Amino acid sequence: MISIIVPVLNEESVIERLLKSLPYGENIEVIIVDAESHDRTLDIARRYPVQIIHSPRGRALQMNAGAKAARGDVLLFLHADCCVDESGLKALEKYTALNFIGGCFTHKIDSPKWIYRGIETTGHWRALVSKVFYGDQAIFVRRDIFQRIGGFDLIPLFEDAVFSKKLSRRGKTVVLDYPATVLPRRWEKNGIVKTTLLNWLLTTGFILGISTDRLAKFYKNVR
């Protein structure tokens, strides 16, 4: 079974897009981990065959809570504005049934603008070469391995990068040639060039060892 874990906070504008896209069935469970949303996020989620649990605010906290509640052999962590299709889920099952302990999908931004193709390509090669996966690439992992490496570190930013580095030290990981399709809302709201440059600066700061608490002050959540 695949447990799809979705941390949410006030995601009424995007959550239905994700929930409509999922192939529900005996081999799929969907866990919505809410951090006290005060909009219609949970009202929308209750229309679908999902489990809703609650957690303190914080993506790492929420994903760890979802993993604790999960029954699946494989955990897939999805952002509320990110979708994967059924063929991608089948590929995930195939690879984790072999000797791959986890990985991510190929980053795809849901927009025809050419500049996004460059962002996608950069992210794809970063994941392939460095084994650093970001959350909007839909990270997945075998549950036993997740437990063994202690889940996500409780830090305010780059919990996905830290987790994927821990993961790659435990065994073989893979970047699936199937898309995780994310909405361009962050780039569209804050500006494509500005957002991309900020992401690069934050990543550079992280590599240089600047604390994630300090870096998080420059990161703006978008709803």
N, C-alpha and C. Protein backbone atom coordinates (compact mmCIF):
# COMPACT_ATOMS: atom_id res chain seq x y z
N MET A 1 0.83 -1.20 0.00
CA MET A 1 0.00 0.00 0.00
C MET A 1 0.87 1.26 0.00
N ILE A 2 0.41 2.26 -0.74
CA ILE A 2 1.06 3.57 -0.75
C ILE A 2 0.25 4.51 0.14
N SER A 3 0.90 5.14 1.09
CA SER A 3 0.27 6.17 1.92
C SER A 3 0.69 7.53 1.39
N ILE A 4 -0.29 8.30 0.90
CA ILE A 4 -0.02 9.63 0.38
C ILE A 4 -0.31 10.63 1.49
N ILE A 5 0.70 11.36 1.89
CA ILE A 5 0.62 12.26 3.04
C ILE A 5 0.69 13.70 2.56
N VAL A 6 -0.34 14.49 2.89
CA VAL A 6 -0.44 15.86 2.40
C VAL A 6 -0.55 16.82 3.58
N PRO A 7 0.50 17.57 3.90
CA PRO A 7 0.41 18.59 4.95
C PRO A 7 -0.33 19.82 4.41
N VAL A 8 -1.29 20.33 5.16
CA VAL A 8 -2.07 21.46 4.67
C VAL A 8 -2.23 22.54 5.73
N LEU A 9 -2.38 23.76 5.24
CA LEU A 9 -2.75 24.91 6.07
C LEU A 9 -3.37 25.94 5.14
N ASN A 10 -4.70 26.08 5.22
CA ASN A 10 -5.43 27.06 4.41
C ASN A 10 -5.16 26.90 2.92
N GLU A 11 -5.46 25.73 2.40
CA GLU A 11 -5.19 25.40 1.00
C GLU A 11 -6.47 25.21 0.19
N GLU A 12 -7.52 25.95 0.52
CA GLU A 12 -8.80 25.75 -0.17
C GLU A 12 -8.71 26.03 -1.68
N SER A 13 -7.77 26.85 -2.10
CA SER A 13 -7.69 27.21 -3.52
C SER A 13 -7.08 26.10 -4.37
N VAL A 14 -6.40 25.13 -3.75
CA VAL A 14 -5.68 24.12 -4.54
C VAL A 14 -6.00 22.68 -4.15
N ILE A 15 -6.56 22.45 -2.97
CA ILE A 15 -6.67 21.09 -2.46
C ILE A 15 -7.58 20.20 -3.32
N GLU A 16 -8.63 20.78 -3.91
CA GLU A 16 -9.52 19.94 -4.71
C GLU A 16 -8.83 19.47 -6.00
N ARG A 17 -8.00 20.30 -6.58
CA ARG A 17 -7.23 19.88 -7.76
C ARG A 17 -6.45 18.62 -7.46
N LEU A 18 -5.79 18.58 -6.31
CA LEU A 18 -5.02 17.40 -5.93
C LEU A 18 -5.92 16.21 -5.66
N LEU A 19 -6.95 16.39 -4.85
CA LEU A 19 -7.79 15.26 -4.44
C LEU A 19 -8.55 14.66 -5.62
N LYS A 20 -8.92 15.48 -6.60
CA LYS A 20 -9.58 14.96 -7.79
C LYS A 20 -8.64 14.09 -8.62
N SER A 21 -7.35 14.35 -8.54
CA SER A 21 -6.38 13.67 -9.41
C SER A 21 -5.96 12.30 -8.89
N LEU A 22 -6.26 11.99 -7.64
CA LEU A 22 -5.72 10.78 -7.03
C LEU A 22 -6.56 9.54 -7.36
N PRO A 23 -5.90 8.40 -7.61
CA PRO A 23 -6.61 7.14 -7.88
C PRO A 23 -6.87 6.39 -6.57
N TYR A 24 -8.01 6.57 -5.99
CA TYR A 24 -8.33 5.94 -4.71
C TYR A 24 -8.58 4.44 -4.92
N GLY A 25 -8.26 3.66 -3.91
CA GLY A 25 -8.48 2.22 -3.99
C GLY A 25 -7.87 1.51 -2.80
N GLU A 26 -7.93 0.19 -2.81
CA GLU A 26 -7.43 -0.60 -1.68
C GLU A 26 -5.94 -0.41 -1.46
N ASN A 27 -5.22 -0.09 -2.53
CA ASN A 27 -3.77 0.02 -2.42
C ASN A 27 -3.29 1.45 -2.19
N ILE A 28 -4.24 2.37 -2.00
CA ILE A 28 -3.90 3.78 -1.80
C ILE A 28 -4.64 4.29 -0.57
N GLU A 29 -3.93 4.91 0.35
CA GLU A 29 -4.59 5.68 1.41
C GLU A 29 -4.07 7.10 1.36
N VAL A 30 -4.94 8.04 1.61
CA VAL A 30 -4.60 9.46 1.57
C VAL A 30 -4.81 10.05 2.95
N ILE A 31 -3.77 10.66 3.47
CA ILE A 31 -3.82 11.25 4.82
C ILE A 31 -3.59 12.76 4.70
N ILE A 32 -4.59 13.53 5.09
CA ILE A 32 -4.49 14.99 5.12
C ILE A 32 -4.09 15.38 6.54
N VAL A 33 -2.98 16.09 6.66
CA VAL A 33 -2.49 16.50 7.98
C VAL A 33 -2.68 18.01 8.11
N ASP A 34 -3.67 18.39 8.87
CA ASP A 34 -4.06 19.80 8.95
C ASP A 34 -3.45 20.49 10.16
N ALA A 35 -3.02 21.73 9.94
CA ALA A 35 -2.45 22.54 11.02
C ALA A 35 -3.38 23.71 11.34
N GLU A 36 -4.64 23.38 11.67
CA GLU A 36 -5.65 24.36 12.09
C GLU A 36 -6.00 25.34 10.98
N SER A 37 -6.33 24.80 9.81
CA SER A 37 -6.82 25.65 8.72
C SER A 37 -8.11 26.34 9.15
N HIS A 38 -8.27 27.60 8.77
CA HIS A 38 -9.49 28.32 9.11
C HIS A 38 -10.28 28.71 7.86
N ASP A 39 -9.94 28.08 6.73
CA ASP A 39 -10.72 28.30 5.51
C ASP A 39 -11.51 27.02 5.20
N ARG A 40 -11.82 26.75 3.95
CA ARG A 40 -12.64 25.61 3.57
C ARG A 40 -11.83 24.36 3.21
N THR A 41 -10.56 24.33 3.55
CA THR A 41 -9.71 23.20 3.19
C THR A 41 -10.31 21.87 3.64
N LEU A 42 -10.69 21.77 4.90
CA LEU A 42 -11.19 20.50 5.42
C LEU A 42 -12.59 20.18 4.92
N ASP A 43 -13.40 21.20 4.69
CA ASP A 43 -14.73 20.97 4.12
C ASP A 43 -14.59 20.30 2.75
N ILE A 44 -13.64 20.76 1.97
CA ILE A 44 -13.40 20.17 0.65
C ILE A 44 -12.83 18.77 0.79
N ALA A 45 -11.87 18.59 1.68
CA ALA A 45 -11.23 17.29 1.85
C ALA A 45 -12.23 16.21 2.26
N ARG A 46 -13.23 16.58 3.05
CA ARG A 46 -14.20 15.60 3.55
C ARG A 46 -15.11 15.04 2.45
N ARG A 47 -15.07 15.63 1.28
CA ARG A 47 -15.84 15.10 0.15
C ARG A 47 -15.17 13.87 -0.46
N TYR A 48 -13.95 13.59 -0.05
CA TYR A 48 -13.15 12.53 -0.66
C TYR A 48 -12.83 11.46 0.38
N PRO A 49 -12.49 10.24 -0.07
CA PRO A 49 -12.20 9.15 0.87
C PRO A 49 -10.79 9.27 1.46
N VAL A 50 -10.62 10.25 2.33
CA VAL A 50 -9.31 10.52 2.92
C VAL A 50 -9.42 10.46 4.44
N GLN A 51 -8.29 10.26 5.08
CA GLN A 51 -8.20 10.35 6.53
C GLN A 51 -7.68 11.74 6.88
N ILE A 52 -8.31 12.39 7.82
CA ILE A 52 -7.87 13.72 8.25
C ILE A 52 -7.36 13.63 9.68
N ILE A 53 -6.13 14.07 9.88
CA ILE A 53 -5.57 14.15 11.22
C ILE A 53 -5.07 15.57 11.46
N HIS A 54 -4.75 15.87 12.70
CA HIS A 54 -4.33 17.23 13.05
C HIS A 54 -2.94 17.21 13.67
N SER A 55 -2.25 18.31 13.48
CA SER A 55 -0.86 18.42 13.93
C SER A 55 -0.56 19.89 14.21
N PRO A 56 0.42 20.16 15.08
CA PRO A 56 0.91 21.53 15.19
C PRO A 56 1.46 21.99 13.84
N ARG A 57 1.50 23.29 13.66
CA ARG A 57 1.95 23.86 12.39
C ARG A 57 3.44 23.61 12.17
N GLY A 58 3.79 23.32 10.94
CA GLY A 58 5.18 23.06 10.56
C GLY A 58 5.22 21.86 9.64
N ARG A 59 5.76 22.04 8.44
CA ARG A 59 5.69 20.98 7.44
C ARG A 59 6.35 19.69 7.94
N ALA A 60 7.51 19.80 8.58
CA ALA A 60 8.18 18.60 9.08
C ALA A 60 7.34 17.91 10.14
N LEU A 61 6.79 18.68 11.08
CA LEU A 61 5.92 18.12 12.11
C LEU A 61 4.71 17.42 11.48
N GLN A 62 4.10 18.05 10.51
CA GLN A 62 2.91 17.51 9.88
C GLN A 62 3.23 16.22 9.10
N MET A 63 4.32 16.22 8.38
CA MET A 63 4.67 15.02 7.61
C MET A 63 5.04 13.87 8.52
N ASN A 64 5.73 14.16 9.61
CA ASN A 64 6.05 13.09 10.58
C ASN A 64 4.77 12.53 11.21
N ALA A 65 3.82 13.41 11.50
CA ALA A 65 2.54 12.96 12.07
C ALA A 65 1.79 12.07 11.07
N GLY A 66 1.81 12.46 9.81
CA GLY A 66 1.17 11.66 8.78
C GLY A 66 1.83 10.30 8.63
N ALA A 67 3.15 10.27 8.68
CA ALA A 67 3.87 9.00 8.58
C ALA A 67 3.55 8.08 9.75
N LYS A 68 3.39 8.66 10.93
CA LYS A 68 3.06 7.87 12.12
C LYS A 68 1.68 7.22 11.98
N ALA A 69 0.76 7.92 11.33
CA ALA A 69 -0.60 7.40 11.16
C ALA A 69 -0.73 6.46 9.97
N ALA A 70 0.27 6.43 9.11
CA ALA A 70 0.18 5.68 7.84
C ALA A 70 0.24 4.17 8.05
N ARG A 71 -0.45 3.46 7.16
CA ARG A 71 -0.43 2.00 7.18
C ARG A 71 0.35 1.42 6.00
N GLY A 72 0.72 2.25 5.05
CA GLY A 72 1.36 1.78 3.83
C GLY A 72 2.81 1.37 4.01
N ASP A 73 3.28 0.55 3.08
CA ASP A 73 4.69 0.16 3.06
C ASP A 73 5.56 1.26 2.47
N VAL A 74 4.94 2.14 1.67
CA VAL A 74 5.65 3.24 1.03
C VAL A 74 4.93 4.54 1.37
N LEU A 75 5.69 5.56 1.71
CA LEU A 75 5.16 6.88 2.05
C LEU A 75 5.48 7.85 0.91
N LEU A 76 4.46 8.56 0.45
CA LEU A 76 4.64 9.58 -0.58
C LEU A 76 4.16 10.91 0.00
N PHE A 77 5.07 11.90 0.02
CA PHE A 77 4.76 13.19 0.61
C PHE A 77 4.45 14.19 -0.52
N LEU A 78 3.22 14.68 -0.52
CA LEU A 78 2.77 15.59 -1.57
C LEU A 78 2.41 16.95 -0.99
N HIS A 79 2.87 18.01 -1.63
CA HIS A 79 2.38 19.34 -1.30
C HIS A 79 0.97 19.48 -1.84
N ALA A 80 0.18 20.34 -1.25
CA ALA A 80 -1.22 20.49 -1.66
C ALA A 80 -1.36 21.00 -3.08
N ASP A 81 -0.35 21.71 -3.58
CA ASP A 81 -0.43 22.24 -4.95
C ASP A 81 0.31 21.39 -5.96
N CYS A 82 0.56 20.13 -5.61
CA CYS A 82 1.37 19.24 -6.45
C CYS A 82 0.58 17.96 -6.74
N CYS A 83 0.63 17.47 -7.98
CA CYS A 83 -0.09 16.25 -8.37
C CYS A 83 0.86 15.26 -9.04
N VAL A 84 0.59 13.99 -8.83
CA VAL A 84 1.24 12.92 -9.59
C VAL A 84 0.12 12.06 -10.18
N ASP A 85 0.40 11.40 -11.31
CA ASP A 85 -0.66 10.62 -11.94
C ASP A 85 -0.52 9.13 -11.60
N GLU A 86 -1.49 8.35 -12.06
CA GLU A 86 -1.53 6.93 -11.70
C GLU A 86 -0.34 6.16 -12.25
N SER A 87 0.13 6.52 -13.45
CA SER A 87 1.29 5.84 -14.01
C SER A 87 2.53 6.09 -13.18
N GLY A 88 2.63 7.29 -12.61
CA GLY A 88 3.75 7.60 -11.73
C GLY A 88 3.70 6.79 -10.46
N LEU A 89 2.50 6.60 -9.91
CA LEU A 89 2.35 5.80 -8.69
C LEU A 89 2.72 4.34 -8.96
N LYS A 90 2.38 3.83 -10.15
CA LYS A 90 2.75 2.46 -10.50
C LYS A 90 4.26 2.32 -10.63
N ALA A 91 4.91 3.34 -11.18
CA ALA A 91 6.37 3.32 -11.27
C ALA A 91 7.00 3.35 -9.89
N LEU A 92 6.42 4.16 -9.00
CA LEU A 92 6.89 4.20 -7.61
C LEU A 92 6.84 2.81 -6.99
N GLU A 93 5.73 2.12 -7.17
CA GLU A 93 5.59 0.76 -6.62
C GLU A 93 6.64 -0.17 -7.20
N LYS A 94 6.86 -0.05 -8.50
CA LYS A 94 7.82 -0.92 -9.18
C LYS A 94 9.23 -0.75 -8.62
N TYR A 95 9.67 0.49 -8.47
CA TYR A 95 11.03 0.74 -8.03
C TYR A 95 11.24 0.41 -6.56
N THR A 96 10.25 0.71 -5.72
CA THR A 96 10.43 0.40 -4.30
C THR A 96 10.28 -1.10 -4.03
N ALA A 97 9.70 -1.84 -4.97
CA ALA A 97 9.65 -3.29 -4.84
C ALA A 97 10.98 -3.93 -5.22
N LEU A 98 11.81 -3.16 -5.91
CA LEU A 98 13.15 -3.62 -6.24
C LEU A 98 14.08 -3.23 -5.08
N ASN A 99 15.25 -2.71 -5.40
CA ASN A 99 16.17 -2.38 -4.30
C ASN A 99 16.36 -0.88 -4.12
N PHE A 100 15.36 -0.09 -4.51
CA PHE A 100 15.41 1.36 -4.30
C PHE A 100 14.62 1.69 -3.03
N ILE A 101 15.23 2.47 -2.16
CA ILE A 101 14.59 2.76 -0.87
C ILE A 101 13.71 4.01 -0.92
N GLY A 102 13.84 4.79 -1.97
CA GLY A 102 13.04 6.00 -2.09
C GLY A 102 13.52 6.86 -3.24
N GLY A 103 13.00 8.08 -3.29
CA GLY A 103 13.39 8.98 -4.37
C GLY A 103 12.39 10.10 -4.53
N CYS A 104 12.23 10.57 -5.77
CA CYS A 104 11.30 11.64 -6.06
C CYS A 104 10.85 11.53 -7.50
N PHE A 105 9.93 12.40 -7.89
CA PHE A 105 9.44 12.47 -9.26
C PHE A 105 10.20 13.58 -10.00
N THR A 106 9.95 13.68 -11.29
CA THR A 106 10.54 14.74 -12.09
C THR A 106 9.71 16.02 -11.96
N HIS A 107 10.36 17.11 -11.65
CA HIS A 107 9.68 18.38 -11.40
C HIS A 107 9.08 18.94 -12.69
N LYS A 108 7.79 19.26 -12.63
CA LYS A 108 7.12 19.90 -13.77
C LYS A 108 6.24 21.03 -13.25
N ILE A 109 6.39 22.20 -13.82
CA ILE A 109 5.62 23.36 -13.41
C ILE A 109 4.46 23.55 -14.39
N ASP A 110 3.27 23.70 -13.87
CA ASP A 110 2.05 23.71 -14.68
C ASP A 110 1.85 25.08 -15.34
N SER A 111 2.70 25.38 -16.31
CA SER A 111 2.62 26.63 -17.06
C SER A 111 3.38 26.46 -18.37
N PRO A 112 2.90 27.07 -19.46
CA PRO A 112 3.60 26.97 -20.75
C PRO A 112 4.78 27.93 -20.89
N LYS A 113 5.01 28.81 -19.92
CA LYS A 113 6.07 29.80 -20.06
C LYS A 113 7.44 29.13 -20.16
N TRP A 114 8.22 29.54 -21.13
CA TRP A 114 9.50 28.88 -21.42
C TRP A 114 10.48 28.95 -20.27
N ILE A 115 10.40 30.01 -19.47
CA ILE A 115 11.36 30.16 -18.38
C ILE A 115 11.25 29.03 -17.37
N TYR A 116 10.04 28.46 -17.25
CA TYR A 116 9.86 27.36 -16.30
C TYR A 116 10.56 26.09 -16.75
N ARG A 117 10.77 25.94 -18.07
CA ARG A 117 11.48 24.75 -18.55
C ARG A 117 12.93 24.78 -18.04
N GLY A 118 13.51 25.95 -17.95
CA GLY A 118 14.86 26.06 -17.41
C GLY A 118 14.90 25.73 -15.93
N ILE A 119 13.90 26.20 -15.18
CA ILE A 119 13.83 25.90 -13.75
C ILE A 119 13.66 24.40 -13.54
N GLU A 120 12.80 23.77 -14.36
CA GLU A 120 12.60 22.33 -14.26
C GLU A 120 13.90 21.56 -14.54
N THR A 121 14.59 21.96 -15.59
CA THR A 121 15.83 21.26 -15.96
C THR A 121 16.89 21.38 -14.87
N THR A 122 17.02 22.58 -14.32
CA THR A 122 18.00 22.79 -13.24
C THR A 122 17.67 21.90 -12.04
N GLY A 123 16.38 21.85 -11.67
CA GLY A 123 15.98 21.03 -10.54
C GLY A 123 16.17 19.54 -10.80
N HIS A 124 15.93 19.13 -12.03
CA HIS A 124 16.09 17.72 -12.38
C HIS A 124 17.54 17.28 -12.25
N TRP A 125 18.45 18.08 -12.78
CA TRP A 125 19.87 17.72 -12.71
C TRP A 125 20.42 17.82 -11.29
N ARG A 126 19.91 18.79 -10.52
CA ARG A 126 20.30 18.86 -9.11
C ARG A 126 19.92 17.59 -8.37
N ALA A 127 18.71 17.10 -8.62
CA ALA A 127 18.26 15.88 -7.96
C ALA A 127 19.08 14.67 -8.40
N LEU A 128 19.37 14.58 -9.71
CA LEU A 128 20.12 13.44 -10.22
C LEU A 128 21.55 13.41 -9.70
N VAL A 129 22.20 14.56 -9.70
CA VAL A 129 23.62 14.62 -9.39
C VAL A 129 23.87 14.66 -7.88
N SER A 130 23.14 15.52 -7.17
CA SER A 130 23.42 15.72 -5.75
C SER A 130 22.60 14.83 -4.83
N LYS A 131 21.54 14.20 -5.38
CA LYS A 131 20.62 13.39 -4.57
C LYS A 131 19.88 14.24 -3.54
N VAL A 132 19.74 15.53 -3.82
CA VAL A 132 18.96 16.41 -2.97
C VAL A 132 17.61 16.62 -3.64
N PHE A 133 16.54 16.23 -2.95
CA PHE A 133 15.20 16.33 -3.48
C PHE A 133 14.43 17.40 -2.70
N TYR A 134 13.62 18.16 -3.42
CA TYR A 134 12.78 19.16 -2.77
C TYR A 134 11.34 18.66 -2.69
N GLY A 135 10.58 19.23 -1.78
CA GLY A 135 9.24 18.74 -1.50
C GLY A 135 8.31 18.78 -2.70
N ASP A 136 8.47 19.78 -3.59
CA ASP A 136 7.58 19.84 -4.74
C ASP A 136 7.97 18.88 -5.86
N GLN A 137 8.92 18.00 -5.56
CA GLN A 137 9.23 16.89 -6.46
C GLN A 137 8.58 15.59 -5.97
N ALA A 138 7.77 15.68 -4.93
CA ALA A 138 7.03 14.52 -4.41
C ALA A 138 8.00 13.43 -3.93
N ILE A 139 8.56 13.63 -2.76
CA ILE A 139 9.50 12.68 -2.17
C ILE A 139 8.76 11.44 -1.69
N PHE A 140 9.34 10.27 -1.93
CA PHE A 140 8.76 9.03 -1.43
C PHE A 140 9.85 8.17 -0.80
N VAL A 141 9.44 7.26 0.09
CA VAL A 141 10.39 6.45 0.84
C VAL A 141 9.68 5.22 1.39
N ARG A 142 10.38 4.13 1.49
CA ARG A 142 9.84 2.98 2.19
C ARG A 142 9.65 3.33 3.66
N ARG A 143 8.55 2.87 4.25
CA ARG A 143 8.24 3.27 5.62
C ARG A 143 9.30 2.79 6.60
N ASP A 144 9.84 1.58 6.41
CA ASP A 144 10.86 1.08 7.34
C ASP A 144 12.11 1.95 7.32
N ILE A 145 12.45 2.45 6.14
CA ILE A 145 13.62 3.33 6.03
C ILE A 145 13.32 4.68 6.67
N PHE A 146 12.11 5.20 6.47
CA PHE A 146 11.71 6.47 7.09
C PHE A 146 11.88 6.39 8.60
N GLN A 147 11.42 5.30 9.18
CA GLN A 147 11.53 5.13 10.63
C GLN A 147 12.98 5.00 11.06
N ARG A 148 13.77 4.32 10.26
CA ARG A 148 15.16 4.07 10.61
C ARG A 148 15.98 5.36 10.63
N ILE A 149 15.67 6.30 9.71
CA ILE A 149 16.45 7.53 9.66
C ILE A 149 15.83 8.65 10.50
N GLY A 150 14.74 8.35 11.19
CA GLY A 150 14.19 9.31 12.13
C GLY A 150 13.27 10.35 11.53
N GLY A 151 12.77 10.10 10.32
CA GLY A 151 11.83 11.03 9.71
C GLY A 151 12.46 12.36 9.34
N PHE A 152 11.62 13.38 9.25
CA PHE A 152 12.09 14.72 8.89
C PHE A 152 12.61 15.45 10.13
N ASP A 153 13.74 16.11 9.97
CA ASP A 153 14.25 16.95 11.05
C ASP A 153 13.30 18.12 11.29
N LEU A 154 13.13 18.49 12.55
CA LEU A 154 12.18 19.54 12.91
C LEU A 154 12.83 20.91 12.76
N ILE A 155 13.01 21.30 11.50
CA ILE A 155 13.60 22.60 11.16
C ILE A 155 12.61 23.35 10.28
N PRO A 156 12.66 24.68 10.25
CA PRO A 156 11.63 25.46 9.55
C PRO A 156 11.79 25.53 8.04
N LEU A 157 12.94 25.10 7.52
CA LEU A 157 13.20 25.20 6.09
C LEU A 157 14.24 24.15 5.71
N PHE A 158 14.18 23.67 4.49
CA PHE A 158 15.10 22.67 3.95
C PHE A 158 15.03 21.32 4.66
N GLU A 159 13.88 21.05 5.30
CA GLU A 159 13.70 19.73 5.90
C GLU A 159 13.72 18.65 4.82
N ASP A 160 13.28 19.00 3.59
CA ASP A 160 13.29 18.04 2.49
C ASP A 160 14.71 17.73 2.03
N ALA A 161 15.56 18.75 1.94
CA ALA A 161 16.94 18.55 1.52
C ALA A 161 17.72 17.72 2.54
N VAL A 162 17.54 18.02 3.81
CA VAL A 162 18.21 17.26 4.87
C VAL A 162 17.75 15.81 4.85
N PHE A 163 16.43 15.62 4.68
CA PHE A 163 15.89 14.27 4.65
C PHE A 163 16.44 13.47 3.48
N SER A 164 16.48 14.07 2.30
CA SER A 164 16.93 13.34 1.12
C SER A 164 18.41 12.99 1.21
N LYS A 165 19.20 13.82 1.85
CA LYS A 165 20.62 13.47 2.05
C LYS A 165 20.75 12.30 3.01
N LYS A 166 19.95 12.30 4.08
CA LYS A 166 19.95 11.14 4.99
C LYS A 166 19.52 9.88 4.24
N LEU A 167 18.54 10.05 3.37
CA LEU A 167 18.01 8.92 2.61
C LEU A 167 19.06 8.33 1.69
N SER A 168 19.78 9.19 0.98
CA SER A 168 20.76 8.69 0.01
C SER A 168 21.91 7.96 0.66
N ARG A 169 22.15 8.22 1.95
CA ARG A 169 23.21 7.51 2.65
C ARG A 169 22.79 6.10 3.07
N ARG A 170 21.49 5.82 2.98
CA ARG A 170 20.97 4.53 3.41
C ARG A 170 20.85 3.51 2.30
N GLY A 171 20.87 3.97 1.04
CA GLY A 171 20.71 3.03 -0.06
C GLY A 171 20.44 3.73 -1.37
N LYS A 172 20.00 2.99 -2.37
CA LYS A 172 19.78 3.52 -3.71
C LYS A 172 18.48 4.32 -3.78
N THR A 173 18.59 5.51 -4.38
CA THR A 173 17.42 6.33 -4.62
C THR A 173 17.27 6.56 -6.11
N VAL A 174 16.09 7.03 -6.51
CA VAL A 174 15.80 7.19 -7.93
C VAL A 174 15.01 8.46 -8.17
N VAL A 175 15.27 9.11 -9.30
CA VAL A 175 14.43 10.21 -9.78
C VAL A 175 13.56 9.62 -10.89
N LEU A 176 12.29 9.42 -10.60
CA LEU A 176 11.40 8.79 -11.57
C LEU A 176 11.16 9.69 -12.77
N ASP A 177 11.08 9.08 -13.94
CA ASP A 177 10.82 9.83 -15.17
C ASP A 177 9.31 10.01 -15.36
N TYR A 178 8.66 10.45 -14.30
CA TYR A 178 7.24 10.75 -14.29
C TYR A 178 7.05 12.07 -13.55
N PRO A 179 6.11 12.90 -13.98
CA PRO A 179 6.04 14.26 -13.43
C PRO A 179 5.34 14.38 -12.09
N ALA A 180 5.88 15.24 -11.26
CA ALA A 180 5.15 15.83 -10.14
C ALA A 180 4.82 17.24 -10.60
N THR A 181 3.56 17.48 -10.90
CA THR A 181 3.15 18.73 -11.53
C THR A 181 2.70 19.73 -10.48
N VAL A 182 3.46 20.81 -10.36
CA VAL A 182 3.20 21.80 -9.31
C VAL A 182 2.67 23.09 -9.93
N LEU A 183 1.77 23.74 -9.24
CA LEU A 183 1.25 25.03 -9.70
C LEU A 183 2.33 26.11 -9.57
N PRO A 184 2.34 27.08 -10.46
CA PRO A 184 3.38 28.12 -10.42
C PRO A 184 3.04 29.28 -9.50
N ARG A 185 2.21 29.07 -8.50
CA ARG A 185 1.68 30.20 -7.73
C ARG A 185 2.76 31.01 -7.02
N ARG A 186 3.79 30.35 -6.51
CA ARG A 186 4.84 31.11 -5.82
C ARG A 186 5.57 32.03 -6.79
N TRP A 187 5.94 31.50 -7.94
CA TRP A 187 6.65 32.32 -8.94
C TRP A 187 5.75 33.42 -9.47
N GLU A 188 4.47 33.10 -9.71
CA GLU A 188 3.56 34.09 -10.28
C GLU A 188 3.27 35.22 -9.30
N LYS A 189 3.16 34.90 -8.04
CA LYS A 189 2.82 35.93 -7.05
C LYS A 189 4.00 36.82 -6.72
N ASN A 190 5.17 36.22 -6.55
CA ASN A 190 6.34 36.98 -6.10
C ASN A 190 7.27 37.39 -7.22
N GLY A 191 6.99 36.93 -8.45
CA GLY A 191 7.85 37.24 -9.59
C GLY A 191 8.78 36.07 -9.89
N ILE A 192 8.85 35.69 -11.15
CA ILE A 192 9.62 34.50 -11.52
C ILE A 192 11.10 34.69 -11.23
N VAL A 193 11.67 35.77 -11.72
CA VAL A 193 13.10 36.00 -11.54
C VAL A 193 13.43 36.21 -10.07
N LYS A 194 12.64 37.04 -9.39
CA LYS A 194 12.87 37.31 -7.97
C LYS A 194 12.80 36.04 -7.14
N THR A 195 11.79 35.21 -7.40
CA THR A 195 11.62 33.97 -6.64
C THR A 195 12.76 33.01 -6.90
N THR A 196 13.17 32.89 -8.16
CA THR A 196 14.27 31.98 -8.50
C THR A 196 15.58 32.43 -7.87
N LEU A 197 15.86 33.72 -7.92
CA LEU A 197 17.09 34.23 -7.29
C LEU A 197 17.06 34.02 -5.78
N LEU A 198 15.90 34.26 -5.16
CA LEU A 198 15.78 34.05 -3.72
C LEU A 198 16.01 32.58 -3.38
N ASN A 199 15.46 31.68 -4.17
CA ASN A 199 15.67 30.26 -3.93
C ASN A 199 17.15 29.90 -4.01
N TRP A 200 17.84 30.46 -4.99
CA TRP A 200 19.27 30.19 -5.13
C TRP A 200 20.05 30.74 -3.93
N LEU A 201 19.68 31.94 -3.49
CA LEU A 201 20.37 32.53 -2.35
C LEU A 201 20.14 31.72 -1.07
N LEU A 202 18.90 31.29 -0.88
CA LEU A 202 18.60 30.47 0.30
C LEU A 202 19.36 29.15 0.25
N THR A 203 19.41 28.54 -0.92
CA THR A 203 20.14 27.28 -1.07
C THR A 203 21.62 27.48 -0.80
N THR A 204 22.18 28.58 -1.31
CA THR A 204 23.60 28.88 -1.06
C THR A 204 23.84 29.07 0.43
N GLY A 205 22.96 29.80 1.09
CA GLY A 205 23.09 29.99 2.53
C GLY A 205 23.03 28.68 3.29
N PHE A 206 22.14 27.80 2.86
CA PHE A 206 22.01 26.48 3.49
C PHE A 206 23.30 25.68 3.32
N ILE A 207 23.85 25.69 2.12
CA ILE A 207 25.10 24.96 1.85
C ILE A 207 26.24 25.52 2.69
N LEU A 208 26.24 26.84 2.90
CA LEU A 208 27.30 27.48 3.68
C LEU A 208 27.11 27.32 5.19
N GLY A 209 26.02 26.73 5.58
CA GLY A 209 25.82 26.43 7.00
C GLY A 209 25.06 27.47 7.79
N ILE A 210 24.44 28.43 7.11
CA ILE A 210 23.61 29.41 7.82
C ILE A 210 22.40 28.68 8.40
N SER A 211 22.01 29.00 9.61
CA SER A 211 20.94 28.27 10.28
C SER A 211 19.63 28.40 9.52
N THR A 212 18.85 27.33 9.53
CA THR A 212 17.56 27.36 8.84
C THR A 212 16.59 28.33 9.51
N ASP A 213 16.76 28.61 10.79
CA ASP A 213 15.91 29.60 11.45
C ASP A 213 16.12 30.99 10.84
N ARG A 214 17.37 31.32 10.57
CA ARG A 214 17.67 32.62 9.96
C ARG A 214 17.18 32.65 8.52
N LEU A 215 17.41 31.57 7.78
CA LEU A 215 17.00 31.53 6.37
C LEU A 215 15.49 31.59 6.23
N ALA A 216 14.77 30.98 7.15
CA ALA A 216 13.31 30.92 7.07
C ALA A 216 12.68 32.31 7.15
N LYS A 217 13.37 33.28 7.73
CA LYS A 217 12.84 34.63 7.83
C LYS A 217 12.68 35.28 6.46
N PHE A 218 13.41 34.77 5.47
CA PHE A 218 13.36 35.35 4.12
C PHE A 218 12.45 34.57 3.17
N TYR A 219 11.88 33.48 3.69
CA TYR A 219 11.03 32.61 2.87
C TYR A 219 9.57 32.96 3.10
N LYS A 220 8.85 33.28 2.04
CA LYS A 220 7.45 33.69 2.17
C LYS A 220 6.52 32.56 1.72
N ASN A 221 5.61 32.17 2.62
CA ASN A 221 4.61 31.19 2.25
C ASN A 221 3.57 31.84 1.34
N VAL A 222 3.08 31.06 0.39
CA VAL A 222 2.08 31.56 -0.56
C VAL A 222 0.84 30.69 -0.46
N ARG A 223 -0.33 31.31 -0.32
CA ARG A 223 -1.60 30.59 -0.29
C ARG A 223 -2.51 31.16 -1.36
